[in-house]
PDB file of N, CA and C in Angstrom:
ATOM      1  N   ILE A   1     -16.866  49.364  63.467  1.00  0.00           N
ATOM      2  CA  ILE A   1     -17.009  50.860  63.949  1.00  0.00           C
ATOM      3  C   ILE A   1     -15.912  51.526  64.106  1.00  0.00           C
ATOM      4  N   TYR A   2     -15.581  52.345  63.752  1.00  0.00           N
ATOM      5  CA  TYR A   2     -14.746  53.366  64.346  1.00  0.00           C
ATOM      6  C   TYR A   2     -15.549  54.057  65.234  1.00  0.00           C
ATOM      7  N   ALA A   3     -15.024  54.455  66.317  1.00  0.00           N
ATOM      8  CA  ALA A   3     -15.738  55.376  67.423  1.00  0.00           C
ATOM      9  C   ALA A   3     -15.523  56.346  68.631  1.00  0.00           C
ATOM     10  N   PHE A   4     -14.257  56.269  68.258  1.00  0.00           N
ATOM     11  CA  PHE A   4     -13.465  57.069  68.761  1.00  0.00           C
ATOM     12  C   PHE A   4     -11.947  56.832  68.798  1.00  0.00           C
ATOM     13  N   SER A   5     -11.287  57.984  68.493  1.00  0.00           N
ATOM     14  CA  SER A   5      -9.740  57.363  68.621  1.00  0.00           C
ATOM     15  C   SER A   5      -8.855  58.720  69.460  1.00  0.00           C
ATOM     16  N   THR A   6      -7.708  58.396  69.934  1.00  0.00           N
ATOM     17  CA  THR A   6      -7.270  58.688  71.040  1.00  0.00           C
ATOM     18  C   THR A   6      -6.494  60.013  70.954  1.00  0.00           C
ATOM     19  N   GLU A   7      -6.770  61.123  69.738  1.00  0.00           N
ATOM     20  CA  GLU A   7      -6.964  62.013  69.050  1.00  0.00           C
ATOM     21  C   GLU A   7      -7.980  62.448  70.189  1.00  0.00           C
ATOM     22  N   ASN A   8      -8.807  61.910  69.911  1.00  0.00           N
ATOM     23  CA  ASN A   8     -10.102  62.627  70.458  1.00  0.00           C
ATOM     24  C   ASN A   8     -10.150  63.466  72.177  1.00  0.00           C
ATOM     25  N   PHE A   9      -9.082  62.069  72.938  1.00  0.00           N
ATOM     26  CA  PHE A   9      -8.644  62.835  74.024  1.00  0.00           C
ATOM     27  C   PHE A   9      -7.899  63.993  74.402  1.00  0.00           C
ATOM     28  N   ASN A  10      -8.245  64.382  73.481  1.00  0.00           N
ATOM     29  CA  ASN A  10      -7.587  66.509  73.245  1.00  0.00           C
ATOM     30  C   ASN A  10      -8.661  67.500  73.353  1.00  0.00           C
ATOM     31  N   ARG A  11      -9.993  66.668  73.278  1.00  0.00           N
ATOM     32  CA  ARG A  11     -11.139  67.246  73.436  1.00  0.00           C
ATOM     33  C   ARG A  11     -11.184  67.976  74.643  1.00  0.00           C
ATOM     34  N   SER A  12     -11.875  69.008  74.836  1.00  0.00           N
ATOM     35  CA  SER A  12     -12.041  69.610  76.884  1.00  0.00           C
ATOM     36  C   SER A  12     -12.384  68.309  77.077  1.00  0.00           C
ATOM     37  N   ALA A  13     -12.220  68.368  78.774  1.00  0.00           N
ATOM     38  CA  ALA A  13     -12.497  67.515  79.466  1.00  0.00           C
ATOM     39  C   ALA A  13     -14.254  66.888  79.240  1.00  0.00           C
ATOM     40  N   GLU A  14     -15.063  68.260  79.458  1.00  0.00           N
ATOM     41  CA  GLU A  14     -16.569  68.406  78.996  1.00  0.00           C
ATOM     42  C   GLU A  14     -17.134  67.524  78.007  1.00  0.00           C
ATOM     43  N   GLU A  15     -16.386  67.414  76.504  1.00  0.00           N
ATOM     44  CA  GLU A  15     -16.182  67.044  75.573  1.00  0.00           C
ATOM     45  C   GLU A  15     -16.670  65.835  75.698  1.00  0.00           C
ATOM     46  N   VAL A  16     -15.150  65.103  76.414  1.00  0.00           N
ATOM     47  CA  VAL A  16     -15.016  63.512  76.071  1.00  0.00           C
ATOM     48  C   VAL A  16     -15.953  63.670  77.118  1.00  0.00           C
ATOM     49  N   SER A  17     -15.887  63.688  78.316  1.00  0.00           N
ATOM     50  CA  SER A  17     -16.920  62.713  79.121  1.00  0.00           C
ATOM     51  C   SER A  17     -18.280  62.795  78.331  1.00  0.00           C
ATOM     52  N   TYR A  18     -18.792  63.461  77.816  1.00  0.00           N
ATOM     53  CA  TYR A  18     -20.389  63.495  77.079  1.00  0.00           C
ATOM     54  C   TYR A  18     -20.153  62.332  76.539  1.00  0.00           C
ATOM     55  N   LEU A  19     -18.640  62.167  75.374  1.00  0.00           N
ATOM     56  CA  LEU A  19     -19.097  61.471  74.120  1.00  0.00           C
ATOM     57  C   LEU A  19     -18.444  60.401  75.227  1.00  0.00           C
ATOM     58  N   MET A  20     -18.485  59.951  76.375  1.00  0.00           N
ATOM     59  CA  MET A  20     -17.991  58.777  76.758  1.00  0.00           C
ATOM     60  C   MET A  20     -19.269  58.219  77.269  1.00  0.00           C
ATOM     61  N   GLY A  21     -19.989  59.235  78.191  1.00  0.00           N
ATOM     62  CA  GLY A  21     -21.511  59.196  77.825  1.00  0.00           C
ATOM     63  C   GLY A  21     -22.294  58.639  77.376  1.00  0.00           C
ATOM     64  N   LEU A  22     -22.633  58.838  76.325  1.00  0.00           N
ATOM     65  CA  LEU A  22     -23.002  58.401  75.072  1.00  0.00           C
ATOM     66  C   LEU A  22     -22.641  56.780  74.474  1.00  0.00           C
ATOM     67  N   ILE A  23     -21.286  56.503  74.708  1.00  0.00           N
ATOM     68  CA  ILE A  23     -21.465  54.903  75.023  1.00  0.00           C
ATOM     69  C   ILE A  23     -21.940  54.568  75.727  1.00  0.00           C
ATOM     70  N   ILE A  24     -21.998  54.611  76.768  1.00  0.00           N
ATOM     71  CA  ILE A  24     -22.944  54.049  78.399  1.00  0.00           C
ATOM     72  C   ILE A  24     -24.188  53.944  78.253  1.00  0.00           C
ATOM     73  N   LYS A  25     -24.365  55.222  77.413  1.00  0.00           N
ATOM     74  CA  LYS A  25     -26.166  54.503  77.596  1.00  0.00           C
ATOM     75  C   LYS A  25     -26.551  54.314  76.260  1.00  0.00           C
ATOM     76  N   PHE A  26     -26.241  54.199  74.868  1.00  0.00           N
ATOM     77  CA  PHE A  26     -26.229  53.434  73.781  1.00  0.00           C
ATOM     78  C   PHE A  26     -26.241  51.431  74.741  1.00  0.00           C
ATOM     79  N   PHE A  27     -25.102  51.356  74.895  1.00  0.00           N
ATOM     80  CA  PHE A  27     -25.143  50.533  75.208  1.00  0.00           C
ATOM     81  C   PHE A  27     -26.128  49.560  75.636  1.00  0.00           C
ATOM     82  N   ASN A  28     -25.860  50.305  77.439  1.00  0.00           N
ATOM     83  CA  ASN A  28     -27.335  50.249  78.115  1.00  0.00           C
ATOM     84  C   ASN A  28     -28.195  50.283  78.061  1.00  0.00           C
ATOM     85  N   GLU A  29     -29.160  51.360  77.082  1.00  0.00           N
ATOM     86  CA  GLU A  29     -30.546  51.377  76.221  1.00  0.00           C
ATOM     87  C   GLU A  29     -30.143  49.963  74.931  1.00  0.00           C
ATOM     88  N   ARG A  30     -29.286  49.253  74.942  1.00  0.00           N
ATOM     89  CA  ARG A  30     -29.209  48.609  73.462  1.00  0.00           C
ATOM     90  C   ARG A  30     -28.757  47.190  73.222  1.00  0.00           C
ATOM     91  N   ALA A  31     -28.637  46.899  74.868  1.00  0.00           N
ATOM     92  CA  ALA A  31     -28.004  45.924  75.175  1.00  0.00           C
ATOM     93  C   ALA A  31     -28.609  44.560  74.727  1.00  0.00           C
ATOM     94  N   LYS A  32     -29.870  44.904  75.365  1.00  0.00           N
ATOM     95  CA  LYS A  32     -30.551  43.834  75.790  1.00  0.00           C
ATOM     96  C   LYS A  32     -30.983  42.950  73.886  1.00  0.00           C
ATOM     97  N   GLU A  33     -31.641  44.311  72.863  1.00  0.00           N
ATOM     98  CA  GLU A  33     -31.713  44.692  71.425  1.00  0.00           C
ATOM     99  C   GLU A  33     -31.216  43.775  71.304  1.00  0.00           C
ATOM    100  N   LEU A  34     -29.697  44.126  71.077  1.00  0.00           N
ATOM    101  CA  LEU A  34     -28.137  43.608  70.786  1.00  0.00           C
ATOM    102  C   LEU A  34     -28.812  41.650  70.547  1.00  0.00           C
ATOM    103  N   GLY A  35     -28.421  41.510  71.854  1.00  0.00           N
ATOM    104  CA  GLY A  35     -28.795  40.074  72.223  1.00  0.00           C
ATOM    105  C   GLY A  35     -29.316  38.973  71.304  1.00  0.00           C
ATOM    106  N   GLU A  36     -30.911  39.955  71.094  1.00  0.00           N
ATOM    107  CA  GLU A  36     -31.890  39.286  70.802  1.00  0.00           C
ATOM    108  C   GLU A  36     -31.810  39.415  69.106  1.00  0.00           C
ATOM    109  N   ASN A  37     -31.185  39.641  68.785  1.00  0.00           N
ATOM    110  CA  ASN A  37     -30.916  39.996  67.137  1.00  0.00           C
ATOM    111  C   ASN A  37     -29.039  39.498  66.737  1.00  0.00           C
ATOM    112  N   ASN A  38     -29.190  38.249  67.738  1.00  0.00           N
ATOM    113  CA  ASN A  38     -27.437  37.885  67.254  1.00  0.00           C
ATOM    114  C   ASN A  38     -26.388  38.654  67.240  1.00  0.00           C
ATOM    115  N   ILE A  39     -26.389  39.901  67.485  1.00  0.00           N
ATOM    116  CA  ILE A  39     -25.105  41.019  67.411  1.00  0.00           C
ATOM    117  C   ILE A  39     -23.978  40.615  68.691  1.00  0.00           C
ATOM    118  N   LYS A  40     -22.947  40.394  67.875  1.00  0.00           N
ATOM    119  CA  LYS A  40     -21.943  40.234  68.843  1.00  0.00           C
ATOM    120  C   LYS A  40     -21.254  41.587  68.716  1.00  0.00           C
ATOM    121  N   ILE A  41     -20.821  42.161  70.028  1.00  0.00           N
ATOM    122  CA  ILE A  41     -19.901  42.869  69.922  1.00  0.00           C
ATOM    123  C   ILE A  41     -18.622  42.992  70.777  1.00  0.00           C
ATOM    124  N   ILE A  42     -17.615  43.168  69.681  1.00  0.00           N
ATOM    125  CA  ILE A  42     -16.237  43.381  69.719  1.00  0.00           C
ATOM    126  C   ILE A  42     -15.301  45.086  70.027  1.00  0.00           C
ATOM    127  N   PHE A  43     -14.417  45.157  71.352  1.00  0.00           N
ATOM    128  CA  PHE A  43     -14.164  46.308  71.755  1.00  0.00           C
ATOM    129  C   PHE A  43     -12.294  45.961  71.373  1.00  0.00           C
ATOM    130  N   SER A  44     -12.102  46.905  70.454  1.00  0.00           N
ATOM    131  CA  SER A  44     -10.748  46.731  70.114  1.00  0.00           C
ATOM    132  C   SER A  44      -9.753  47.994  70.714  1.00  0.00           C
ATOM    133  N   GLY A  45      -8.522  48.243  70.992  1.00  0.00           N
ATOM    134  CA  GLY A  45      -8.408  49.645  71.661  1.00  0.00           C
ATOM    135  C   GLY A  45      -7.615  49.016  73.096  1.00  0.00           C
ATOM    136  N   LYS A  46      -7.315  50.438  73.709  1.00  0.00           N
ATOM    137  CA  LYS A  46      -6.579  50.057  74.921  1.00  0.00           C
ATOM    138  C   LYS A  46      -7.711  50.606  75.663  1.00  0.00           C
ATOM    139  N   LYS A  47      -7.521  49.785  77.035  1.00  0.00           N
ATOM    140  CA  LYS A  47      -8.421  50.578  77.749  1.00  0.00           C
ATOM    141  C   LYS A  47      -7.636  51.913  78.364  1.00  0.00           C
ATOM    142  N   GLU A  48      -6.642  52.211  78.485  1.00  0.00           N
ATOM    143  CA  GLU A  48      -6.631  53.342  79.355  1.00  0.00           C
ATOM    144  C   GLU A  48      -6.740  54.033  78.253  1.00  0.00           C
ATOM    145  N   PRO A  49      -6.843  55.422  78.239  1.00  0.00           N
ATOM    146  CA  PRO A  49      -7.231  56.236  79.318  1.00  0.00           C
ATOM    147  C   PRO A  49      -8.430  56.072  79.414  1.00  0.00           C
ATOM    148  N   LEU A  50      -9.554  55.006  79.647  1.00  0.00           N
ATOM    149  CA  LEU A  50     -11.298  54.629  79.688  1.00  0.00           C
ATOM    150  C   LEU A  50     -10.964  54.975  81.531  1.00  0.00           C
ATOM    151  N   LYS A  51     -12.132  55.633  81.478  1.00  0.00           N
ATOM    152  CA  LYS A  51     -12.479  55.821  82.973  1.00  0.00           C
ATOM    153  C   LYS A  51     -13.590  54.454  83.498  1.00  0.00           C
ATOM    154  N   GLU A  52     -13.256  53.897  84.530  1.00  0.00           N
ATOM    155  CA  GLU A  52     -13.918  52.723  85.033  1.00  0.00           C
ATOM    156  C   GLU A  52     -14.973  52.395  84.900  1.00  0.00           C
ATOM    157  N   ASP A  53     -15.969  53.313  84.628  1.00  0.00           N
ATOM    158  CA  ASP A  53     -17.693  52.941  84.108  1.00  0.00           C
ATOM    159  C   ASP A  53     -18.208  53.095  82.985  1.00  0.00           C
ATOM    160  N   VAL A  54     -17.077  53.145  81.853  1.00  0.00           N
ATOM    161  CA  VAL A  54     -16.997  52.520  80.321  1.00  0.00           C
ATOM    162  C   VAL A  54     -16.437  51.771  80.136  1.00  0.00           C
ATOM    163  N   TRP A  55     -15.347  51.501  81.433  1.00  0.00           N
ATOM    164  CA  TRP A  55     -15.000  50.335  80.993  1.00  0.00           C
ATOM    165  C   TRP A  55     -15.559  48.995  80.769  1.00  0.00           C
ATOM    166  N   ASN A  56     -16.286  49.264  82.437  1.00  0.00           N
ATOM    167  CA  ASN A  56     -17.532  48.288  83.028  1.00  0.00           C
ATOM    168  C   ASN A  56     -18.424  48.331  81.939  1.00  0.00           C
ATOM    169  N   CYS A  57     -18.736  49.198  81.303  1.00  0.00           N
ATOM    170  CA  CYS A  57     -19.443  49.268  80.946  1.00  0.00           C
ATOM    171  C   CYS A  57     -19.627  48.333  79.246  1.00  0.00           C
ATOM    172  N   ILE A  58     -18.088  48.136  78.723  1.00  0.00           N
ATOM    173  CA  ILE A  58     -17.552  47.131  77.760  1.00  0.00           C
ATOM    174  C   ILE A  58     -17.115  45.955  77.730  1.00  0.00           C
ATOM    175  N   ASN A  59     -16.948  45.370  79.371  1.00  0.00           N
ATOM    176  CA  ASN A  59     -17.380  44.496  79.626  1.00  0.00           C
ATOM    177  C   ASN A  59     -17.957  43.733  79.521  1.00  0.00           C
ATOM    178  N   ASN A  60     -19.108  44.375  80.424  1.00  0.00           N
ATOM    179  CA  ASN A  60     -20.686  44.018  80.145  1.00  0.00           C
ATOM    180  C   ASN A  60     -21.301  43.795  79.166  1.00  0.00           C
ATOM    181  N   VAL A  61     -21.107  44.165  77.929  1.00  0.00           N
ATOM    182  CA  VAL A  61     -22.098  44.290  76.897  1.00  0.00           C
ATOM    183  C   VAL A  61     -21.320  42.746  75.847  1.00  0.00           C
ATOM    184  N   THR A  62     -19.618  43.398  76.146  1.00  0.00           N
ATOM    185  CA  THR A  62     -18.622  42.205  74.966  1.00  0.00           C
ATOM    186  C   THR A  62     -18.883  41.146  76.023  1.00  0.00           C
ATOM    187  N   ASN A  63     -19.186  40.608  77.116  1.00  0.00           N
ATOM    188  CA  ASN A  63     -19.080  39.645  78.039  1.00  0.00           C
ATOM    189  C   ASN A  63     -20.464  38.961  77.734  1.00  0.00           C
ATOM    190  N   MET A  64     -21.548  39.719  77.629  1.00  0.00           N
ATOM    191  CA  MET A  64     -23.643  39.880  77.215  1.00  0.00           C
ATOM    192  C   MET A  64     -23.393  39.219  75.729  1.00  0.00           C
ATOM    193  N   THR A  65     -22.036  39.355  74.981  1.00  0.00           N
ATOM    194  CA  THR A  65     -22.683  39.014  73.086  1.00  0.00           C
ATOM    195  C   THR A  65     -21.964  37.939  72.884  1.00  0.00           C
ATOM    196  N   GLN A  66     -20.441  37.723  73.972  1.00  0.00           N
ATOM    197  CA  GLN A  66     -19.397  36.643  73.073  1.00  0.00           C
ATOM    198  C   GLN A  66     -19.855  35.762  72.524  1.00  0.00           C
ATOM    199  N   ASN A  67     -20.917  35.404  72.639  1.00  0.00           N
ATOM    200  CA  ASN A  67     -21.735  34.002  72.262  1.00  0.00           C
ATOM    201  C   ASN A  67     -22.354  34.356  70.741  1.00  0.00           C
ATOM    202  N   ASN A  68     -23.061  35.738  70.552  1.00  0.00           N
ATOM    203  CA  ASN A  68     -23.624  35.872  69.251  1.00  0.00           C
ATOM    204  C   ASN A  68     -22.453  35.245  68.295  1.00  0.00           C
ATOM    205  N   THR A  69     -23.478  35.494  66.649  1.00  0.00           N
ATOM    206  CA  THR A  69     -22.702  34.749  65.637  1.00  0.00           C
ATOM    207  C   THR A  69     -23.155  36.066  64.909  1.00  0.00           C
ATOM    208  N   GLY A  70     -23.851  36.835  64.637  1.00  0.00           N
ATOM    209  CA  GLY A  70     -24.667  37.689  63.913  1.00  0.00           C
ATOM    210  C   GLY A  70     -23.464  38.734  63.653  1.00  0.00           C
ATOM    211  N   GLY A  71     -23.614  40.143  62.631  1.00  0.00           N
ATOM    212  CA  GLY A  71     -23.209  40.844  62.587  1.00  0.00           C
ATOM    213  C   GLY A  71     -23.111  41.882  63.129  1.00  0.00           C
TER     214      GLY A  71
END
């Protein structure tokens, strides 16, 4: 799934912050459901320029779902 390209970092800081917040919100709210449905989450891309809270969320959901075999 395409979520956020590097070109999007050219948007206003407020807009980028909001979009990053959506990533955190989605995975915090859906992590348990993803696990229960055997969904494996894999992120690809650069760690920078993601803020630490976004990267921590990505690591958490990736680690939580690493053994899943579903879509």
